[in-house]
Amino acid sequence: LGPHEEKVQLYLRPFLAKEVYLSGV
């Protein structure tokens, strides 16, 4: 849920390994 202006660093490999979807609305 947003909106968000801040920048966040994510390590994406675990998301890819679990096939987890990330989206906004």
PDBML (XML) file of the C-alpha atoms, coordinates in Angstrom:
<?xml version="1.0" encoding="UTF-8" ?>
<PDBx:datablock datablockName="MODEL"
   xmlns:PDBx="http://pdbml.pdb.org/schema/pdbx-v50.xsd"
   xmlns:xsi="http://www.w3.org/2001/XMLSchema-instance"
   xsi:schemaLocation="http://pdbml.pdb.org/schema/pdbx-v50.xsd pdbx-v50.xsd">
   <PDBx:atom_siteCategory>
      <PDBx:atom_site id="1">
         <PDBx:B_iso_or_equiv>0.00</PDBx:B_iso_or_equiv>
         <PDBx:Cartn_x>0.000</PDBx:Cartn_x>
         <PDBx:Cartn_y>0.000</PDBx:Cartn_y>
         <PDBx:Cartn_z>0.000</PDBx:Cartn_z>
         <PDBx:auth_asym_id>A</PDBx:auth_asym_id>
         <PDBx:auth_atom_id>CA</PDBx:auth_atom_id>
         <PDBx:auth_comp_id>LEU</PDBx:auth_comp_id>
         <PDBx:auth_seq_id>1</PDBx:auth_seq_id>
         <PDBx:group_PDB>ATOM</PDBx:group_PDB>
         <PDBx:label_alt_id xsi:nil="true" />
         <PDBx:label_asym_id>A</PDBx:label_asym_id>
         <PDBx:label_atom_id>CA</PDBx:label_atom_id>
         <PDBx:label_comp_id>LEU</PDBx:label_comp_id>
         <PDBx:label_entity_id>1</PDBx:label_entity_id>
         <PDBx:label_seq_id>1</PDBx:label_seq_id>
         <PDBx:occupancy>1.00</PDBx:occupancy>
         <PDBx:pdbx_PDB_model_num>1</PDBx:pdbx_PDB_model_num>
         <PDBx:type_symbol>C</PDBx:type_symbol>
      </PDBx:atom_site>
      <PDBx:atom_site id="2">
         <PDBx:B_iso_or_equiv>0.00</PDBx:B_iso_or_equiv>
         <PDBx:Cartn_x>1.311</PDBx:Cartn_x>
         <PDBx:Cartn_y>3.464</PDBx:Cartn_y>
         <PDBx:Cartn_z>-0.779</PDBx:Cartn_z>
         <PDBx:auth_asym_id>A</PDBx:auth_asym_id>
         <PDBx:auth_atom_id>CA</PDBx:auth_atom_id>
         <PDBx:auth_comp_id>GLY</PDBx:auth_comp_id>
         <PDBx:auth_seq_id>2</PDBx:auth_seq_id>
         <PDBx:group_PDB>ATOM</PDBx:group_PDB>
         <PDBx:label_alt_id xsi:nil="true" />
         <PDBx:label_asym_id>A</PDBx:label_asym_id>
         <PDBx:label_atom_id>CA</PDBx:label_atom_id>
         <PDBx:label_comp_id>GLY</PDBx:label_comp_id>
         <PDBx:label_entity_id>1</PDBx:label_entity_id>
         <PDBx:label_seq_id>2</PDBx:label_seq_id>
         <PDBx:occupancy>1.00</PDBx:occupancy>
         <PDBx:pdbx_PDB_model_num>1</PDBx:pdbx_PDB_model_num>
         <PDBx:type_symbol>C</PDBx:type_symbol>
      </PDBx:atom_site>
      <PDBx:atom_site id="3">
         <PDBx:B_iso_or_equiv>0.00</PDBx:B_iso_or_equiv>
         <PDBx:Cartn_x>2.278</PDBx:Cartn_x>
         <PDBx:Cartn_y>5.965</PDBx:Cartn_y>
         <PDBx:Cartn_z>-1.859</PDBx:Cartn_z>
         <PDBx:auth_asym_id>A</PDBx:auth_asym_id>
         <PDBx:auth_atom_id>CA</PDBx:auth_atom_id>
         <PDBx:auth_comp_id>PRO</PDBx:auth_comp_id>
         <PDBx:auth_seq_id>3</PDBx:auth_seq_id>
         <PDBx:group_PDB>ATOM</PDBx:group_PDB>
         <PDBx:label_alt_id xsi:nil="true" />
         <PDBx:label_asym_id>A</PDBx:label_asym_id>
         <PDBx:label_atom_id>CA</PDBx:label_atom_id>
         <PDBx:label_comp_id>PRO</PDBx:label_comp_id>
         <PDBx:label_entity_id>1</PDBx:label_entity_id>
         <PDBx:label_seq_id>3</PDBx:label_seq_id>
         <PDBx:occupancy>1.00</PDBx:occupancy>
         <PDBx:pdbx_PDB_model_num>1</PDBx:pdbx_PDB_model_num>
         <PDBx:type_symbol>C</PDBx:type_symbol>
      </PDBx:atom_site>
      <PDBx:atom_site id="4">
         <PDBx:B_iso_or_equiv>0.00</PDBx:B_iso_or_equiv>
         <PDBx:Cartn_x>5.928</PDBx:Cartn_x>
         <PDBx:Cartn_y>5.835</PDBx:Cartn_y>
         <PDBx:Cartn_z>-0.812</PDBx:Cartn_z>
         <PDBx:auth_asym_id>A</PDBx:auth_asym_id>
         <PDBx:auth_atom_id>CA</PDBx:auth_atom_id>
         <PDBx:auth_comp_id>HIS</PDBx:auth_comp_id>
         <PDBx:auth_seq_id>4</PDBx:auth_seq_id>
         <PDBx:group_PDB>ATOM</PDBx:group_PDB>
         <PDBx:label_alt_id xsi:nil="true" />
         <PDBx:label_asym_id>A</PDBx:label_asym_id>
         <PDBx:label_atom_id>CA</PDBx:label_atom_id>
         <PDBx:label_comp_id>HIS</PDBx:label_comp_id>
         <PDBx:label_entity_id>1</PDBx:label_entity_id>
         <PDBx:label_seq_id>4</PDBx:label_seq_id>
         <PDBx:occupancy>1.00</PDBx:occupancy>
         <PDBx:pdbx_PDB_model_num>1</PDBx:pdbx_PDB_model_num>
         <PDBx:type_symbol>C</PDBx:type_symbol>
      </PDBx:atom_site>
      <PDBx:atom_site id="5">
         <PDBx:B_iso_or_equiv>0.00</PDBx:B_iso_or_equiv>
         <PDBx:Cartn_x>8.697</PDBx:Cartn_x>
         <PDBx:Cartn_y>8.223</PDBx:Cartn_y>
         <PDBx:Cartn_z>-1.773</PDBx:Cartn_z>
         <PDBx:auth_asym_id>A</PDBx:auth_asym_id>
         <PDBx:auth_atom_id>CA</PDBx:auth_atom_id>
         <PDBx:auth_comp_id>GLU</PDBx:auth_comp_id>
         <PDBx:auth_seq_id>5</PDBx:auth_seq_id>
         <PDBx:group_PDB>ATOM</PDBx:group_PDB>
         <PDBx:label_alt_id xsi:nil="true" />
         <PDBx:label_asym_id>A</PDBx:label_asym_id>
         <PDBx:label_atom_id>CA</PDBx:label_atom_id>
         <PDBx:label_comp_id>GLU</PDBx:label_comp_id>
         <PDBx:label_entity_id>1</PDBx:label_entity_id>
         <PDBx:label_seq_id>5</PDBx:label_seq_id>
         <PDBx:occupancy>1.00</PDBx:occupancy>
         <PDBx:pdbx_PDB_model_num>1</PDBx:pdbx_PDB_model_num>
         <PDBx:type_symbol>C</PDBx:type_symbol>
      </PDBx:atom_site>
      <PDBx:atom_site id="6">
         <PDBx:B_iso_or_equiv>0.00</PDBx:B_iso_or_equiv>
         <PDBx:Cartn_x>11.583</PDBx:Cartn_x>
         <PDBx:Cartn_y>6.599</PDBx:Cartn_y>
         <PDBx:Cartn_z>0.074</PDBx:Cartn_z>
         <PDBx:auth_asym_id>A</PDBx:auth_asym_id>
         <PDBx:auth_atom_id>CA</PDBx:auth_atom_id>
         <PDBx:auth_comp_id>GLU</PDBx:auth_comp_id>
         <PDBx:auth_seq_id>6</PDBx:auth_seq_id>
         <PDBx:group_PDB>ATOM</PDBx:group_PDB>
         <PDBx:label_alt_id xsi:nil="true" />
         <PDBx:label_asym_id>A</PDBx:label_asym_id>
         <PDBx:label_atom_id>CA</PDBx:label_atom_id>
         <PDBx:label_comp_id>GLU</PDBx:label_comp_id>
         <PDBx:label_entity_id>1</PDBx:label_entity_id>
         <PDBx:label_seq_id>6</PDBx:label_seq_id>
         <PDBx:occupancy>1.00</PDBx:occupancy>
         <PDBx:pdbx_PDB_model_num>1</PDBx:pdbx_PDB_model_num>
         <PDBx:type_symbol>C</PDBx:type_symbol>
      </PDBx:atom_site>
      <PDBx:atom_site id="7">
         <PDBx:B_iso_or_equiv>0.00</PDBx:B_iso_or_equiv>
         <PDBx:Cartn_x>14.078</PDBx:Cartn_x>
         <PDBx:Cartn_y>4.355</PDBx:Cartn_y>
         <PDBx:Cartn_z>-1.666</PDBx:Cartn_z>
         <PDBx:auth_asym_id>A</PDBx:auth_asym_id>
         <PDBx:auth_atom_id>CA</PDBx:auth_atom_id>
         <PDBx:auth_comp_id>LYS</PDBx:auth_comp_id>
         <PDBx:auth_seq_id>7</PDBx:auth_seq_id>
         <PDBx:group_PDB>ATOM</PDBx:group_PDB>
         <PDBx:label_alt_id xsi:nil="true" />
         <PDBx:label_asym_id>A</PDBx:label_asym_id>
         <PDBx:label_atom_id>CA</PDBx:label_atom_id>
         <PDBx:label_comp_id>LYS</PDBx:label_comp_id>
         <PDBx:label_entity_id>1</PDBx:label_entity_id>
         <PDBx:label_seq_id>7</PDBx:label_seq_id>
         <PDBx:occupancy>1.00</PDBx:occupancy>
         <PDBx:pdbx_PDB_model_num>1</PDBx:pdbx_PDB_model_num>
         <PDBx:type_symbol>C</PDBx:type_symbol>
      </PDBx:atom_site>
      <PDBx:atom_site id="8">
         <PDBx:B_iso_or_equiv>0.00</PDBx:B_iso_or_equiv>
         <PDBx:Cartn_x>14.456</PDBx:Cartn_x>
         <PDBx:Cartn_y>0.816</PDBx:Cartn_y>
         <PDBx:Cartn_z>-0.339</PDBx:Cartn_z>
         <PDBx:auth_asym_id>A</PDBx:auth_asym_id>
         <PDBx:auth_atom_id>CA</PDBx:auth_atom_id>
         <PDBx:auth_comp_id>VAL</PDBx:auth_comp_id>
         <PDBx:auth_seq_id>8</PDBx:auth_seq_id>
         <PDBx:group_PDB>ATOM</PDBx:group_PDB>
         <PDBx:label_alt_id xsi:nil="true" />
         <PDBx:label_asym_id>A</PDBx:label_asym_id>
         <PDBx:label_atom_id>CA</PDBx:label_atom_id>
         <PDBx:label_comp_id>VAL</PDBx:label_comp_id>
         <PDBx:label_entity_id>1</PDBx:label_entity_id>
         <PDBx:label_seq_id>8</PDBx:label_seq_id>
         <PDBx:occupancy>1.00</PDBx:occupancy>
         <PDBx:pdbx_PDB_model_num>1</PDBx:pdbx_PDB_model_num>
         <PDBx:type_symbol>C</PDBx:type_symbol>
      </PDBx:atom_site>
      <PDBx:atom_site id="9">
         <PDBx:B_iso_or_equiv>0.00</PDBx:B_iso_or_equiv>
         <PDBx:Cartn_x>17.184</PDBx:Cartn_x>
         <PDBx:Cartn_y>-1.620</PDBx:Cartn_y>
         <PDBx:Cartn_z>-1.259</PDBx:Cartn_z>
         <PDBx:auth_asym_id>A</PDBx:auth_asym_id>
         <PDBx:auth_atom_id>CA</PDBx:auth_atom_id>
         <PDBx:auth_comp_id>GLN</PDBx:auth_comp_id>
         <PDBx:auth_seq_id>9</PDBx:auth_seq_id>
         <PDBx:group_PDB>ATOM</PDBx:group_PDB>
         <PDBx:label_alt_id xsi:nil="true" />
         <PDBx:label_asym_id>A</PDBx:label_asym_id>
         <PDBx:label_atom_id>CA</PDBx:label_atom_id>
         <PDBx:label_comp_id>GLN</PDBx:label_comp_id>
         <PDBx:label_entity_id>1</PDBx:label_entity_id>
         <PDBx:label_seq_id>9</PDBx:label_seq_id>
         <PDBx:occupancy>1.00</PDBx:occupancy>
         <PDBx:pdbx_PDB_model_num>1</PDBx:pdbx_PDB_model_num>
         <PDBx:type_symbol>C</PDBx:type_symbol>
      </PDBx:atom_site>
      <PDBx:atom_site id="10">
         <PDBx:B_iso_or_equiv>0.00</PDBx:B_iso_or_equiv>
         <PDBx:Cartn_x>15.994</PDBx:Cartn_x>
         <PDBx:Cartn_y>-5.183</PDBx:Cartn_y>
         <PDBx:Cartn_z>-1.834</PDBx:Cartn_z>
         <PDBx:auth_asym_id>A</PDBx:auth_asym_id>
         <PDBx:auth_atom_id>CA</PDBx:auth_atom_id>
         <PDBx:auth_comp_id>LEU</PDBx:auth_comp_id>
         <PDBx:auth_seq_id>10</PDBx:auth_seq_id>
         <PDBx:group_PDB>ATOM</PDBx:group_PDB>
         <PDBx:label_alt_id xsi:nil="true" />
         <PDBx:label_asym_id>A</PDBx:label_asym_id>
         <PDBx:label_atom_id>CA</PDBx:label_atom_id>
         <PDBx:label_comp_id>LEU</PDBx:label_comp_id>
         <PDBx:label_entity_id>1</PDBx:label_entity_id>
         <PDBx:label_seq_id>10</PDBx:label_seq_id>
         <PDBx:occupancy>1.00</PDBx:occupancy>
         <PDBx:pdbx_PDB_model_num>1</PDBx:pdbx_PDB_model_num>
         <PDBx:type_symbol>C</PDBx:type_symbol>
      </PDBx:atom_site>
      <PDBx:atom_site id="11">
         <PDBx:B_iso_or_equiv>0.00</PDBx:B_iso_or_equiv>
         <PDBx:Cartn_x>17.987</PDBx:Cartn_x>
         <PDBx:Cartn_y>-8.338</PDBx:Cartn_y>
         <PDBx:Cartn_z>-2.368</PDBx:Cartn_z>
         <PDBx:auth_asym_id>A</PDBx:auth_asym_id>
         <PDBx:auth_atom_id>CA</PDBx:auth_atom_id>
         <PDBx:auth_comp_id>TYR</PDBx:auth_comp_id>
         <PDBx:auth_seq_id>11</PDBx:auth_seq_id>
         <PDBx:group_PDB>ATOM</PDBx:group_PDB>
         <PDBx:label_alt_id xsi:nil="true" />
         <PDBx:label_asym_id>A</PDBx:label_asym_id>
         <PDBx:label_atom_id>CA</PDBx:label_atom_id>
         <PDBx:label_comp_id>TYR</PDBx:label_comp_id>
         <PDBx:label_entity_id>1</PDBx:label_entity_id>
         <PDBx:label_seq_id>11</PDBx:label_seq_id>
         <PDBx:occupancy>1.00</PDBx:occupancy>
         <PDBx:pdbx_PDB_model_num>1</PDBx:pdbx_PDB_model_num>
         <PDBx:type_symbol>C</PDBx:type_symbol>
      </PDBx:atom_site>
      <PDBx:atom_site id="12">
         <PDBx:B_iso_or_equiv>0.00</PDBx:B_iso_or_equiv>
         <PDBx:Cartn_x>15.845</PDBx:Cartn_x>
         <PDBx:Cartn_y>-9.936</PDBx:Cartn_y>
         <PDBx:Cartn_z>-5.063</PDBx:Cartn_z>
         <PDBx:auth_asym_id>A</PDBx:auth_asym_id>
         <PDBx:auth_atom_id>CA</PDBx:auth_atom_id>
         <PDBx:auth_comp_id>LEU</PDBx:auth_comp_id>
         <PDBx:auth_seq_id>12</PDBx:auth_seq_id>
         <PDBx:group_PDB>ATOM</PDBx:group_PDB>
         <PDBx:label_alt_id xsi:nil="true" />
         <PDBx:label_asym_id>A</PDBx:label_asym_id>
         <PDBx:label_atom_id>CA</PDBx:label_atom_id>
         <PDBx:label_comp_id>LEU</PDBx:label_comp_id>
         <PDBx:label_entity_id>1</PDBx:label_entity_id>
         <PDBx:label_seq_id>12</PDBx:label_seq_id>
         <PDBx:occupancy>1.00</PDBx:occupancy>
         <PDBx:pdbx_PDB_model_num>1</PDBx:pdbx_PDB_model_num>
         <PDBx:type_symbol>C</PDBx:type_symbol>
      </PDBx:atom_site>
      <PDBx:atom_site id="13">
         <PDBx:B_iso_or_equiv>0.00</PDBx:B_iso_or_equiv>
         <PDBx:Cartn_x>17.320</PDBx:Cartn_x>
         <PDBx:Cartn_y>-13.424</PDBx:Cartn_y>
         <PDBx:Cartn_z>-5.297</PDBx:Cartn_z>
         <PDBx:auth_asym_id>A</PDBx:auth_asym_id>
         <PDBx:auth_atom_id>CA</PDBx:auth_atom_id>
         <PDBx:auth_comp_id>ARG</PDBx:auth_comp_id>
         <PDBx:auth_seq_id>13</PDBx:auth_seq_id>
         <PDBx:group_PDB>ATOM</PDBx:group_PDB>
         <PDBx:label_alt_id xsi:nil="true" />
         <PDBx:label_asym_id>A</PDBx:label_asym_id>
         <PDBx:label_atom_id>CA</PDBx:label_atom_id>
         <PDBx:label_comp_id>ARG</PDBx:label_comp_id>
         <PDBx:label_entity_id>1</PDBx:label_entity_id>
         <PDBx:label_seq_id>13</PDBx:label_seq_id>
         <PDBx:occupancy>1.00</PDBx:occupancy>
         <PDBx:pdbx_PDB_model_num>1</PDBx:pdbx_PDB_model_num>
         <PDBx:type_symbol>C</PDBx:type_symbol>
      </PDBx:atom_site>
      <PDBx:atom_site id="14">
         <PDBx:B_iso_or_equiv>0.00</PDBx:B_iso_or_equiv>
         <PDBx:Cartn_x>15.183</PDBx:Cartn_x>
         <PDBx:Cartn_y>-14.812</PDBx:Cartn_y>
         <PDBx:Cartn_z>-2.400</PDBx:Cartn_z>
         <PDBx:auth_asym_id>A</PDBx:auth_asym_id>
         <PDBx:auth_atom_id>CA</PDBx:auth_atom_id>
         <PDBx:auth_comp_id>PRO</PDBx:auth_comp_id>
         <PDBx:auth_seq_id>14</PDBx:auth_seq_id>
         <PDBx:group_PDB>ATOM</PDBx:group_PDB>
         <PDBx:label_alt_id xsi:nil="true" />
         <PDBx:label_asym_id>A</PDBx:label_asym_id>
         <PDBx:label_atom_id>CA</PDBx:label_atom_id>
         <PDBx:label_comp_id>PRO</PDBx:label_comp_id>
         <PDBx:label_entity_id>1</PDBx:label_entity_id>
         <PDBx:label_seq_id>14</PDBx:label_seq_id>
         <PDBx:occupancy>1.00</PDBx:occupancy>
         <PDBx:pdbx_PDB_model_num>1</PDBx:pdbx_PDB_model_num>
         <PDBx:type_symbol>C</PDBx:type_symbol>
      </PDBx:atom_site>
      <PDBx:atom_site id="15">
         <PDBx:B_iso_or_equiv>0.00</PDBx:B_iso_or_equiv>
         <PDBx:Cartn_x>12.048</PDBx:Cartn_x>
         <PDBx:Cartn_y>-13.393</PDBx:Cartn_y>
         <PDBx:Cartn_z>-4.070</PDBx:Cartn_z>
         <PDBx:auth_asym_id>A</PDBx:auth_asym_id>
         <PDBx:auth_atom_id>CA</PDBx:auth_atom_id>
         <PDBx:auth_comp_id>PHE</PDBx:auth_comp_id>
         <PDBx:auth_seq_id>15</PDBx:auth_seq_id>
         <PDBx:group_PDB>ATOM</PDBx:group_PDB>
         <PDBx:label_alt_id xsi:nil="true" />
         <PDBx:label_asym_id>A</PDBx:label_asym_id>
         <PDBx:label_atom_id>CA</PDBx:label_atom_id>
         <PDBx:label_comp_id>PHE</PDBx:label_comp_id>
         <PDBx:label_entity_id>1</PDBx:label_entity_id>
         <PDBx:label_seq_id>15</PDBx:label_seq_id>
         <PDBx:occupancy>1.00</PDBx:occupancy>
         <PDBx:pdbx_PDB_model_num>1</PDBx:pdbx_PDB_model_num>
         <PDBx:type_symbol>C</PDBx:type_symbol>
      </PDBx:atom_site>
      <PDBx:atom_site id="16">
         <PDBx:B_iso_or_equiv>0.00</PDBx:B_iso_or_equiv>
         <PDBx:Cartn_x>12.990</PDBx:Cartn_x>
         <PDBx:Cartn_y>-15.116</PDBx:Cartn_y>
         <PDBx:Cartn_z>-7.316</PDBx:Cartn_z>
         <PDBx:auth_asym_id>A</PDBx:auth_asym_id>
         <PDBx:auth_atom_id>CA</PDBx:auth_atom_id>
         <PDBx:auth_comp_id>LEU</PDBx:auth_comp_id>
         <PDBx:auth_seq_id>16</PDBx:auth_seq_id>
         <PDBx:group_PDB>ATOM</PDBx:group_PDB>
         <PDBx:label_alt_id xsi:nil="true" />
         <PDBx:label_asym_id>A</PDBx:label_asym_id>
         <PDBx:label_atom_id>CA</PDBx:label_atom_id>
         <PDBx:label_comp_id>LEU</PDBx:label_comp_id>
         <PDBx:label_entity_id>1</PDBx:label_entity_id>
         <PDBx:label_seq_id>16</PDBx:label_seq_id>
         <PDBx:occupancy>1.00</PDBx:occupancy>
         <PDBx:pdbx_PDB_model_num>1</PDBx:pdbx_PDB_model_num>
         <PDBx:type_symbol>C</PDBx:type_symbol>
      </PDBx:atom_site>
      <PDBx:atom_site id="17">
         <PDBx:B_iso_or_equiv>0.00</PDBx:B_iso_or_equiv>
         <PDBx:Cartn_x>13.785</PDBx:Cartn_x>
         <PDBx:Cartn_y>-18.395</PDBx:Cartn_y>
         <PDBx:Cartn_z>-5.562</PDBx:Cartn_z>
         <PDBx:auth_asym_id>A</PDBx:auth_asym_id>
         <PDBx:auth_atom_id>CA</PDBx:auth_atom_id>
         <PDBx:auth_comp_id>ALA</PDBx:auth_comp_id>
         <PDBx:auth_seq_id>17</PDBx:auth_seq_id>
         <PDBx:group_PDB>ATOM</PDBx:group_PDB>
         <PDBx:label_alt_id xsi:nil="true" />
         <PDBx:label_asym_id>A</PDBx:label_asym_id>
         <PDBx:label_atom_id>CA</PDBx:label_atom_id>
         <PDBx:label_comp_id>ALA</PDBx:label_comp_id>
         <PDBx:label_entity_id>1</PDBx:label_entity_id>
         <PDBx:label_seq_id>17</PDBx:label_seq_id>
         <PDBx:occupancy>1.00</PDBx:occupancy>
         <PDBx:pdbx_PDB_model_num>1</PDBx:pdbx_PDB_model_num>
         <PDBx:type_symbol>C</PDBx:type_symbol>
      </PDBx:atom_site>
      <PDBx:atom_site id="18">
         <PDBx:B_iso_or_equiv>0.00</PDBx:B_iso_or_equiv>
         <PDBx:Cartn_x>10.362</PDBx:Cartn_x>
         <PDBx:Cartn_y>-18.453</PDBx:Cartn_y>
         <PDBx:Cartn_z>-3.875</PDBx:Cartn_z>
         <PDBx:auth_asym_id>A</PDBx:auth_asym_id>
         <PDBx:auth_atom_id>CA</PDBx:auth_atom_id>
         <PDBx:auth_comp_id>LYS</PDBx:auth_comp_id>
         <PDBx:auth_seq_id>18</PDBx:auth_seq_id>
         <PDBx:group_PDB>ATOM</PDBx:group_PDB>
         <PDBx:label_alt_id xsi:nil="true" />
         <PDBx:label_asym_id>A</PDBx:label_asym_id>
         <PDBx:label_atom_id>CA</PDBx:label_atom_id>
         <PDBx:label_comp_id>LYS</PDBx:label_comp_id>
         <PDBx:label_entity_id>1</PDBx:label_entity_id>
         <PDBx:label_seq_id>18</PDBx:label_seq_id>
         <PDBx:occupancy>1.00</PDBx:occupancy>
         <PDBx:pdbx_PDB_model_num>1</PDBx:pdbx_PDB_model_num>
         <PDBx:type_symbol>C</PDBx:type_symbol>
      </PDBx:atom_site>
      <PDBx:atom_site id="19">
         <PDBx:B_iso_or_equiv>0.00</PDBx:B_iso_or_equiv>
         <PDBx:Cartn_x>8.593</PDBx:Cartn_x>
         <PDBx:Cartn_y>-17.075</PDBx:Cartn_y>
         <PDBx:Cartn_z>-6.958</PDBx:Cartn_z>
         <PDBx:auth_asym_id>A</PDBx:auth_asym_id>
         <PDBx:auth_atom_id>CA</PDBx:auth_atom_id>
         <PDBx:auth_comp_id>GLU</PDBx:auth_comp_id>
         <PDBx:auth_seq_id>19</PDBx:auth_seq_id>
         <PDBx:group_PDB>ATOM</PDBx:group_PDB>
         <PDBx:label_alt_id xsi:nil="true" />
         <PDBx:label_asym_id>A</PDBx:label_asym_id>
         <PDBx:label_atom_id>CA</PDBx:label_atom_id>
         <PDBx:label_comp_id>GLU</PDBx:label_comp_id>
         <PDBx:label_entity_id>1</PDBx:label_entity_id>
         <PDBx:label_seq_id>19</PDBx:label_seq_id>
         <PDBx:occupancy>1.00</PDBx:occupancy>
         <PDBx:pdbx_PDB_model_num>1</PDBx:pdbx_PDB_model_num>
         <PDBx:type_symbol>C</PDBx:type_symbol>
      </PDBx:atom_site>
      <PDBx:atom_site id="20">
         <PDBx:B_iso_or_equiv>0.00</PDBx:B_iso_or_equiv>
         <PDBx:Cartn_x>6.974</PDBx:Cartn_x>
         <PDBx:Cartn_y>-14.424</PDBx:Cartn_y>
         <PDBx:Cartn_z>-4.769</PDBx:Cartn_z>
         <PDBx:auth_asym_id>A</PDBx:auth_asym_id>
         <PDBx:auth_atom_id>CA</PDBx:auth_atom_id>
         <PDBx:auth_comp_id>VAL</PDBx:auth_comp_id>
         <PDBx:auth_seq_id>20</PDBx:auth_seq_id>
         <PDBx:group_PDB>ATOM</PDBx:group_PDB>
         <PDBx:label_alt_id xsi:nil="true" />
         <PDBx:label_asym_id>A</PDBx:label_asym_id>
         <PDBx:label_atom_id>CA</PDBx:label_atom_id>
         <PDBx:label_comp_id>VAL</PDBx:label_comp_id>
         <PDBx:label_entity_id>1</PDBx:label_entity_id>
         <PDBx:label_seq_id>20</PDBx:label_seq_id>
         <PDBx:occupancy>1.00</PDBx:occupancy>
         <PDBx:pdbx_PDB_model_num>1</PDBx:pdbx_PDB_model_num>
         <PDBx:type_symbol>C</PDBx:type_symbol>
      </PDBx:atom_site>
      <PDBx:atom_site id="21">
         <PDBx:B_iso_or_equiv>0.00</PDBx:B_iso_or_equiv>
         <PDBx:Cartn_x>5.156</PDBx:Cartn_x>
         <PDBx:Cartn_y>-11.636</PDBx:Cartn_y>
         <PDBx:Cartn_z>-6.618</PDBx:Cartn_z>
         <PDBx:auth_asym_id>A</PDBx:auth_asym_id>
         <PDBx:auth_atom_id>CA</PDBx:auth_atom_id>
         <PDBx:auth_comp_id>TYR</PDBx:auth_comp_id>
         <PDBx:auth_seq_id>21</PDBx:auth_seq_id>
         <PDBx:group_PDB>ATOM</PDBx:group_PDB>
         <PDBx:label_alt_id xsi:nil="true" />
         <PDBx:label_asym_id>A</PDBx:label_asym_id>
         <PDBx:label_atom_id>CA</PDBx:label_atom_id>
         <PDBx:label_comp_id>TYR</PDBx:label_comp_id>
         <PDBx:label_entity_id>1</PDBx:label_entity_id>
         <PDBx:label_seq_id>21</PDBx:label_seq_id>
         <PDBx:occupancy>1.00</PDBx:occupancy>
         <PDBx:pdbx_PDB_model_num>1</PDBx:pdbx_PDB_model_num>
         <PDBx:type_symbol>C</PDBx:type_symbol>
      </PDBx:atom_site>
      <PDBx:atom_site id="22">
         <PDBx:B_iso_or_equiv>0.00</PDBx:B_iso_or_equiv>
         <PDBx:Cartn_x>5.532</PDBx:Cartn_x>
         <PDBx:Cartn_y>-8.046</PDBx:Cartn_y>
         <PDBx:Cartn_z>-5.453</PDBx:Cartn_z>
         <PDBx:auth_asym_id>A</PDBx:auth_asym_id>
         <PDBx:auth_atom_id>CA</PDBx:auth_atom_id>
         <PDBx:auth_comp_id>LEU</PDBx:auth_comp_id>
         <PDBx:auth_seq_id>22</PDBx:auth_seq_id>
         <PDBx:group_PDB>ATOM</PDBx:group_PDB>
         <PDBx:label_alt_id xsi:nil="true" />
         <PDBx:label_asym_id>A</PDBx:label_asym_id>
         <PDBx:label_atom_id>CA</PDBx:label_atom_id>
         <PDBx:label_comp_id>LEU</PDBx:label_comp_id>
         <PDBx:label_entity_id>1</PDBx:label_entity_id>
         <PDBx:label_seq_id>22</PDBx:label_seq_id>
         <PDBx:occupancy>1.00</PDBx:occupancy>
         <PDBx:pdbx_PDB_model_num>1</PDBx:pdbx_PDB_model_num>
         <PDBx:type_symbol>C</PDBx:type_symbol>
      </PDBx:atom_site>
      <PDBx:atom_site id="23">
         <PDBx:B_iso_or_equiv>0.00</PDBx:B_iso_or_equiv>
         <PDBx:Cartn_x>3.149</PDBx:Cartn_x>
         <PDBx:Cartn_y>-5.359</PDBx:Cartn_y>
         <PDBx:Cartn_z>-6.664</PDBx:Cartn_z>
         <PDBx:auth_asym_id>A</PDBx:auth_asym_id>
         <PDBx:auth_atom_id>CA</PDBx:auth_atom_id>
         <PDBx:auth_comp_id>SER</PDBx:auth_comp_id>
         <PDBx:auth_seq_id>23</PDBx:auth_seq_id>
         <PDBx:group_PDB>ATOM</PDBx:group_PDB>
         <PDBx:label_alt_id xsi:nil="true" />
         <PDBx:label_asym_id>A</PDBx:label_asym_id>
         <PDBx:label_atom_id>CA</PDBx:label_atom_id>
         <PDBx:label_comp_id>SER</PDBx:label_comp_id>
         <PDBx:label_entity_id>1</PDBx:label_entity_id>
         <PDBx:label_seq_id>23</PDBx:label_seq_id>
         <PDBx:occupancy>1.00</PDBx:occupancy>
         <PDBx:pdbx_PDB_model_num>1</PDBx:pdbx_PDB_model_num>
         <PDBx:type_symbol>C</PDBx:type_symbol>
      </PDBx:atom_site>
      <PDBx:atom_site id="24">
         <PDBx:B_iso_or_equiv>0.00</PDBx:B_iso_or_equiv>
         <PDBx:Cartn_x>1.346</PDBx:Cartn_x>
         <PDBx:Cartn_y>-2.197</PDBx:Cartn_y>
         <PDBx:Cartn_z>-5.640</PDBx:Cartn_z>
         <PDBx:auth_asym_id>A</PDBx:auth_asym_id>
         <PDBx:auth_atom_id>CA</PDBx:auth_atom_id>
         <PDBx:auth_comp_id>GLY</PDBx:auth_comp_id>
         <PDBx:auth_seq_id>24</PDBx:auth_seq_id>
         <PDBx:group_PDB>ATOM</PDBx:group_PDB>
         <PDBx:label_alt_id xsi:nil="true" />
         <PDBx:label_asym_id>A</PDBx:label_asym_id>
         <PDBx:label_atom_id>CA</PDBx:label_atom_id>
         <PDBx:label_comp_id>GLY</PDBx:label_comp_id>
         <PDBx:label_entity_id>1</PDBx:label_entity_id>
         <PDBx:label_seq_id>24</PDBx:label_seq_id>
         <PDBx:occupancy>1.00</PDBx:occupancy>
         <PDBx:pdbx_PDB_model_num>1</PDBx:pdbx_PDB_model_num>
         <PDBx:type_symbol>C</PDBx:type_symbol>
      </PDBx:atom_site>
      <PDBx:atom_site id="25">
         <PDBx:B_iso_or_equiv>0.00</PDBx:B_iso_or_equiv>
         <PDBx:Cartn_x>-2.300</PDBx:Cartn_x>
         <PDBx:Cartn_y>-1.181</PDBx:Cartn_y>
         <PDBx:Cartn_z>-5.902</PDBx:Cartn_z>
         <PDBx:auth_asym_id>A</PDBx:auth_asym_id>
         <PDBx:auth_atom_id>CA</PDBx:auth_atom_id>
         <PDBx:auth_comp_id>VAL</PDBx:auth_comp_id>
         <PDBx:auth_seq_id>25</PDBx:auth_seq_id>
         <PDBx:group_PDB>ATOM</PDBx:group_PDB>
         <PDBx:label_alt_id xsi:nil="true" />
         <PDBx:label_asym_id>A</PDBx:label_asym_id>
         <PDBx:label_atom_id>CA</PDBx:label_atom_id>
         <PDBx:label_comp_id>VAL</PDBx:label_comp_id>
         <PDBx:label_entity_id>1</PDBx:label_entity_id>
         <PDBx:label_seq_id>25</PDBx:label_seq_id>
         <PDBx:occupancy>1.00</PDBx:occupancy>
         <PDBx:pdbx_PDB_model_num>1</PDBx:pdbx_PDB_model_num>
         <PDBx:type_symbol>C</PDBx:type_symbol>
      </PDBx:atom_site>
   </PDBx:atom_siteCategory>
</PDBx:datablock>
